[in-house]
Amino acid sequence: VSFRLLPFTKLLRKKIHAAFHIVASLLAILGLVAQFSYHNQNGYEHLFSSHSMLGMFTAVVYLLQAVVSVGIFQDFNPRLLRGLRGDFKPFHIILGGFLLISAPLTVLMGLTEKAFYANLQYGEDSEGQWWYAHGIAFGVFLATGLTMMVLGQERKGEALQRGN
């Protein structure tokens, strides 16, 4: 998103993009630690549901992509990695798109799982719990859709640079 929305130089947008992903990686690790600690403290099994398996897969792929991308796209040795960057960039973009779908899908599966295990029911005695779950789900859906819309647009001048 930083490459599409921010009006800065390419180098600054790259650094902002990396900073966003460093923060997201730290939050993902913190979330995994919290989840495993919670399961350990309460005697729950790990990775027993589709939500947990997809979540772990998404987190591992995301963290691997982050580590590999920092090594390839940051300017540690530009001449050494120039060819590798060009070869890896399409894969990086496709994998990023996959993660853009799998992360919100994991969240929505988690909301459904939580509602199932909590045995949430509609009605006067539900205390608004369903509205809370619906609100989160709608927010995730809307944020994902807006992100995809932004990513689908070209930056000003890109079409001219390609000769379109």
C-alpha atoms as a PDB file:
ATOM      1  CA  VAL A   1       0.000   0.000   0.000  1.00  0.00           C
ATOM      2  CA  SER A   2       2.890   2.364   0.749  1.00  0.00           C
ATOM      3  CA  PHE A   3       4.026   2.011  -2.870  1.00  0.00           C
ATOM      4  CA  ARG A   4       0.570   3.013  -4.154  1.00  0.00           C
ATOM      5  CA  LEU A   5      -0.520   5.768  -1.769  1.00  0.00           C
ATOM      6  CA  LEU A   6       2.529   7.628  -0.544  1.00  0.00           C
ATOM      7  CA  PRO A   7       3.960  10.447  -2.689  1.00  0.00           C
ATOM      8  CA  PHE A   8       7.587   9.951  -1.637  1.00  0.00           C
ATOM      9  CA  THR A   9      10.679   8.725  -3.443  1.00  0.00           C
ATOM     10  CA  LYS A  10      10.936   5.022  -4.211  1.00  0.00           C
ATOM     11  CA  LEU A  11      13.645   4.545  -1.599  1.00  0.00           C
ATOM     12  CA  LEU A  12      11.571   6.191   1.147  1.00  0.00           C
ATOM     13  CA  ARG A  13       8.461   4.200   0.156  1.00  0.00           C
ATOM     14  CA  LYS A  14      10.582   1.019   0.289  1.00  0.00           C
ATOM     15  CA  LYS A  15      11.756   1.901   3.802  1.00  0.00           C
ATOM     16  CA  ILE A  16       8.196   2.653   4.933  1.00  0.00           C
ATOM     17  CA  HIS A  17       7.007  -0.631   3.406  1.00  0.00           C
ATOM     18  CA  ALA A  18       9.756  -2.486   5.291  1.00  0.00           C
ATOM     19  CA  ALA A  19       8.931  -0.660   8.537  1.00  0.00           C
ATOM     20  CA  PHE A  20       5.242  -1.638   8.254  1.00  0.00           C
ATOM     21  CA  HIS A  21       6.253  -5.247   7.774  1.00  0.00           C
ATOM     22  CA  ILE A  22       8.728  -5.222  10.642  1.00  0.00           C
ATOM     23  CA  VAL A  23       5.950  -3.984  12.939  1.00  0.00           C
ATOM     24  CA  ALA A  24       3.517  -6.551  11.492  1.00  0.00           C
ATOM     25  CA  SER A  25       6.094  -9.333  11.974  1.00  0.00           C
ATOM     26  CA  LEU A  26       6.620  -8.366  15.607  1.00  0.00           C
ATOM     27  CA  LEU A  27       2.851  -8.283  16.176  1.00  0.00           C
ATOM     28  CA  ALA A  28       2.470 -11.698  14.499  1.00  0.00           C
ATOM     29  CA  ILE A  29       5.155 -13.187  16.742  1.00  0.00           C
ATOM     30  CA  LEU A  30       3.579 -11.566  19.815  1.00  0.00           C
ATOM     31  CA  GLY A  31       0.170 -12.961  18.817  1.00  0.00           C
ATOM     32  CA  LEU A  32       1.556 -16.472  18.338  1.00  0.00           C
ATOM     33  CA  VAL A  33       3.334 -16.354  21.700  1.00  0.00           C
ATOM     34  CA  ALA A  34       0.134 -15.162  23.400  1.00  0.00           C
ATOM     35  CA  GLN A  35      -1.949 -17.841  21.701  1.00  0.00           C
ATOM     36  CA  PHE A  36       0.409 -20.690  22.596  1.00  0.00           C
ATOM     37  CA  SER A  37       0.748 -19.397  26.177  1.00  0.00           C
ATOM     38  CA  TYR A  38      -3.049 -19.237  26.532  1.00  0.00           C
ATOM     39  CA  HIS A  39      -3.434 -22.776  25.209  1.00  0.00           C
ATOM     40  CA  ASN A  40      -0.670 -24.065  27.525  1.00  0.00           C
ATOM     41  CA  GLN A  41      -2.163 -22.370  30.603  1.00  0.00           C
ATOM     42  CA  ASN A  42      -5.639 -23.772  29.918  1.00  0.00           C
ATOM     43  CA  GLY A  43      -4.635 -27.240  28.741  1.00  0.00           C
ATOM     44  CA  TYR A  44      -5.924 -26.798  25.183  1.00  0.00           C
ATOM     45  CA  GLU A  45      -4.435 -28.631  22.234  1.00  0.00           C
ATOM     46  CA  HIS A  46      -2.484 -26.673  19.634  1.00  0.00           C
ATOM     47  CA  LEU A  47      -3.338 -26.543  15.939  1.00  0.00           C
ATOM     48  CA  PHE A  48      -6.511 -28.610  16.160  1.00  0.00           C
ATOM     49  CA  SER A  49      -8.795 -26.532  13.935  1.00  0.00           C
ATOM     50  CA  SER A  50      -8.770 -25.247  10.373  1.00  0.00           C
ATOM     51  CA  HIS A  51      -8.482 -21.724  11.771  1.00  0.00           C
ATOM     52  CA  SER A  52      -5.364 -22.537  13.778  1.00  0.00           C
ATOM     53  CA  MET A  53      -3.704 -24.508  10.978  1.00  0.00           C
ATOM     54  CA  LEU A  54      -4.397 -21.836   8.350  1.00  0.00           C
ATOM     55  CA  GLY A  55      -3.296 -19.175  10.828  1.00  0.00           C
ATOM     56  CA  MET A  56      -0.005 -20.923  11.523  1.00  0.00           C
ATOM     57  CA  PHE A  57       0.595 -21.523   7.818  1.00  0.00           C
ATOM     58  CA  THR A  58      -0.144 -17.859   7.053  1.00  0.00           C
ATOM     59  CA  ALA A  59       2.126 -16.651   9.867  1.00  0.00           C
ATOM     60  CA  VAL A  60       5.022 -18.899   8.830  1.00  0.00           C
ATOM     61  CA  VAL A  61       4.742 -17.933   5.146  1.00  0.00           C
ATOM     62  CA  TYR A  62       4.490 -14.248   6.110  1.00  0.00           C
ATOM     63  CA  LEU A  63       7.528 -14.365   8.377  1.00  0.00           C
ATOM     64  CA  LEU A  64       9.574 -16.294   5.802  1.00  0.00           C
ATOM     65  CA  GLN A  65       8.605 -13.782   3.126  1.00  0.00           C
ATOM     66  CA  ALA A  66       9.564 -10.908   5.430  1.00  0.00           C
ATOM     67  CA  VAL A  67      13.003 -12.340   6.244  1.00  0.00           C
ATOM     68  CA  VAL A  68      13.825 -13.275   2.642  1.00  0.00           C
ATOM     69  CA  SER A  69      12.539  -9.945   1.318  1.00  0.00           C
ATOM     70  CA  VAL A  70      14.626  -7.890   3.736  1.00  0.00           C
ATOM     71  CA  GLY A  71      17.679  -9.807   2.574  1.00  0.00           C
ATOM     72  CA  ILE A  72      16.893  -9.323  -1.106  1.00  0.00           C
ATOM     73  CA  PHE A  73      15.262  -5.890  -1.363  1.00  0.00           C
ATOM     74  CA  GLN A  74      17.196  -3.843   1.173  1.00  0.00           C
ATOM     75  CA  ASP A  75      20.310  -2.183  -0.150  1.00  0.00           C
ATOM     76  CA  PHE A  76      22.951  -4.231   1.656  1.00  0.00           C
ATOM     77  CA  ASN A  77      24.777  -5.022  -1.591  1.00  0.00           C
ATOM     78  CA  PRO A  78      22.848  -3.633  -4.588  1.00  0.00           C
ATOM     79  CA  ARG A  79      25.136  -5.025  -7.317  1.00  0.00           C
ATOM     80  CA  LEU A  80      25.138  -8.536  -5.896  1.00  0.00           C
ATOM     81  CA  LEU A  81      21.362  -8.770  -5.586  1.00  0.00           C
ATOM     82  CA  ARG A  82      20.198  -6.757  -8.641  1.00  0.00           C
ATOM     83  CA  GLY A  83      19.410  -9.821 -10.785  1.00  0.00           C
ATOM     84  CA  LEU A  84      17.924 -11.727  -7.871  1.00  0.00           C
ATOM     85  CA  ARG A  85      15.584  -8.826  -7.085  1.00  0.00           C
ATOM     86  CA  GLY A  86      14.116  -8.862 -10.572  1.00  0.00           C
ATOM     87  CA  ASP A  87      13.617 -12.623 -10.451  1.00  0.00           C
ATOM     88  CA  PHE A  88      12.084 -12.591  -6.958  1.00  0.00           C
ATOM     89  CA  LYS A  89       9.825  -9.536  -7.293  1.00  0.00           C
ATOM     90  CA  PRO A  90       6.925 -11.255  -9.159  1.00  0.00           C
ATOM     91  CA  PHE A  91       6.969 -14.101  -6.622  1.00  0.00           C
ATOM     92  CA  HIS A  92       7.062 -11.539  -3.792  1.00  0.00           C
ATOM     93  CA  ILE A  93       4.002  -9.748  -5.214  1.00  0.00           C
ATOM     94  CA  ILE A  94       2.023 -12.960  -5.788  1.00  0.00           C
ATOM     95  CA  LEU A  95       2.859 -14.265  -2.317  1.00  0.00           C
ATOM     96  CA  GLY A  96       1.843 -10.906  -0.853  1.00  0.00           C
ATOM     97  CA  GLY A  97      -1.514 -11.207  -2.631  1.00  0.00           C
ATOM     98  CA  PHE A  98      -1.958 -14.716  -1.257  1.00  0.00           C
ATOM     99  CA  LEU A  99      -1.238 -13.425   2.249  1.00  0.00           C
ATOM    100  CA  LEU A 100      -3.681 -10.553   1.727  1.00  0.00           C
ATOM    101  CA  ILE A 101      -6.388 -13.186   1.225  1.00  0.00           C
ATOM    102  CA  SER A 102      -5.270 -15.823   3.750  1.00  0.00           C
ATOM    103  CA  ALA A 103      -4.821 -13.442   6.716  1.00  0.00           C
ATOM    104  CA  PRO A 104      -8.377 -12.016   6.665  1.00  0.00           C
ATOM    105  CA  LEU A 105      -9.742 -15.480   5.895  1.00  0.00           C
ATOM    106  CA  THR A 106      -8.002 -16.761   9.020  1.00  0.00           C
ATOM    107  CA  VAL A 107      -9.540 -13.934  11.076  1.00  0.00           C
ATOM    108  CA  LEU A 108     -13.026 -14.675   9.748  1.00  0.00           C
ATOM    109  CA  MET A 109     -12.583 -18.391  10.424  1.00  0.00           C
ATOM    110  CA  GLY A 110     -11.495 -17.523  13.970  1.00  0.00           C
ATOM    111  CA  LEU A 111     -14.611 -15.425  14.554  1.00  0.00           C
ATOM    112  CA  THR A 112     -16.779 -18.286  13.336  1.00  0.00           C
ATOM    113  CA  GLU A 113     -14.902 -20.770  15.511  1.00  0.00           C
ATOM    114  CA  LYS A 114     -15.203 -18.519  18.567  1.00  0.00           C
ATOM    115  CA  ALA A 115     -18.938 -18.100  18.006  1.00  0.00           C
ATOM    116  CA  PHE A 116     -19.326 -21.860  17.632  1.00  0.00           C
ATOM    117  CA  TYR A 117     -17.409 -22.711  20.800  1.00  0.00           C
ATOM    118  CA  ALA A 118     -19.090 -19.924  22.760  1.00  0.00           C
ATOM    119  CA  ASN A 119     -22.439 -21.251  21.516  1.00  0.00           C
ATOM    120  CA  LEU A 120     -23.562 -17.741  20.634  1.00  0.00           C
ATOM    121  CA  GLN A 121     -27.230 -17.495  19.851  1.00  0.00           C
ATOM    122  CA  TYR A 122     -29.363 -14.760  18.432  1.00  0.00           C
ATOM    123  CA  GLY A 123     -32.007 -13.278  20.628  1.00  0.00           C
ATOM    124  CA  GLU A 124     -32.582 -10.976  23.519  1.00  0.00           C
ATOM    125  CA  ASP A 125     -30.205 -12.875  25.814  1.00  0.00           C
ATOM    126  CA  SER A 126     -27.230 -12.679  23.425  1.00  0.00           C
ATOM    127  CA  GLU A 127     -26.108  -9.351  24.934  1.00  0.00           C
ATOM    128  CA  GLY A 128     -24.999  -8.045  21.549  1.00  0.00           C
ATOM    129  CA  GLN A 129     -22.228 -10.618  21.143  1.00  0.00           C
ATOM    130  CA  TRP A 130     -23.252 -11.388  17.580  1.00  0.00           C
ATOM    131  CA  TRP A 131     -23.193  -7.715  16.672  1.00  0.00           C
ATOM    132  CA  TYR A 132     -19.660  -7.518  17.993  1.00  0.00           C
ATOM    133  CA  ALA A 133     -18.609 -10.490  15.854  1.00  0.00           C
ATOM    134  CA  HIS A 134     -20.460  -9.102  12.824  1.00  0.00           C
ATOM    135  CA  GLY A 135     -18.798  -5.716  13.291  1.00  0.00           C
ATOM    136  CA  ILE A 136     -15.313  -7.227  13.352  1.00  0.00           C
ATOM    137  CA  ALA A 137     -16.093  -9.411  10.331  1.00  0.00           C
ATOM    138  CA  PHE A 138     -17.461  -6.464   8.363  1.00  0.00           C
ATOM    139  CA  GLY A 139     -14.418  -4.351   9.295  1.00  0.00           C
ATOM    140  CA  VAL A 140     -12.033  -7.082   8.139  1.00  0.00           C
ATOM    141  CA  PHE A 141     -13.996  -7.534   4.915  1.00  0.00           C
ATOM    142  CA  LEU A 142     -14.073  -3.784   4.234  1.00  0.00           C
ATOM    143  CA  ALA A 143     -10.379  -3.255   5.031  1.00  0.00           C
ATOM    144  CA  THR A 144      -9.397  -6.157   2.767  1.00  0.00           C
ATOM    145  CA  GLY A 145     -11.561  -4.885  -0.077  1.00  0.00           C
ATOM    146  CA  LEU A 146     -10.211  -1.334   0.210  1.00  0.00           C
ATOM    147  CA  THR A 147      -6.639  -2.636   0.298  1.00  0.00           C
ATOM    148  CA  MET A 148      -7.247  -4.707  -2.829  1.00  0.00           C
ATOM    149  CA  MET A 149      -8.802  -1.687  -4.534  1.00  0.00           C
ATOM    150  CA  VAL A 150      -5.759   0.465  -3.707  1.00  0.00           C
ATOM    151  CA  LEU A 151      -3.351  -2.223  -4.862  1.00  0.00           C
ATOM    152  CA  GLY A 152      -5.235  -2.597  -8.146  1.00  0.00           C
ATOM    153  CA  GLN A 153      -4.694   1.043  -9.057  1.00  0.00           C
ATOM    154  CA  GLU A 154      -1.582   2.309 -10.767  1.00  0.00           C
ATOM    155  CA  ARG A 155       0.451   5.130  -9.335  1.00  0.00           C
ATOM    156  CA  LYS A 156       0.364   8.347 -11.304  1.00  0.00           C
ATOM    157  CA  GLY A 157       2.943   8.221 -14.028  1.00  0.00           C
ATOM    158  CA  GLU A 158       3.437   4.440 -14.054  1.00  0.00           C
ATOM    159  CA  ALA A 159       1.287   3.985 -17.138  1.00  0.00           C
ATOM    160  CA  LEU A 160       3.187   6.784 -18.879  1.00  0.00           C
ATOM    161  CA  GLN A 161       6.537   5.247 -17.944  1.00  0.00           C
ATOM    162  CA  ARG A 162       5.493   1.925 -19.484  1.00  0.00           C
ATOM    163  CA  GLY A 163       4.286   3.646 -22.648  1.00  0.00           C
ATOM    164  CA  ASN A 164       0.540   3.011 -22.163  1.00  0.00           C
END
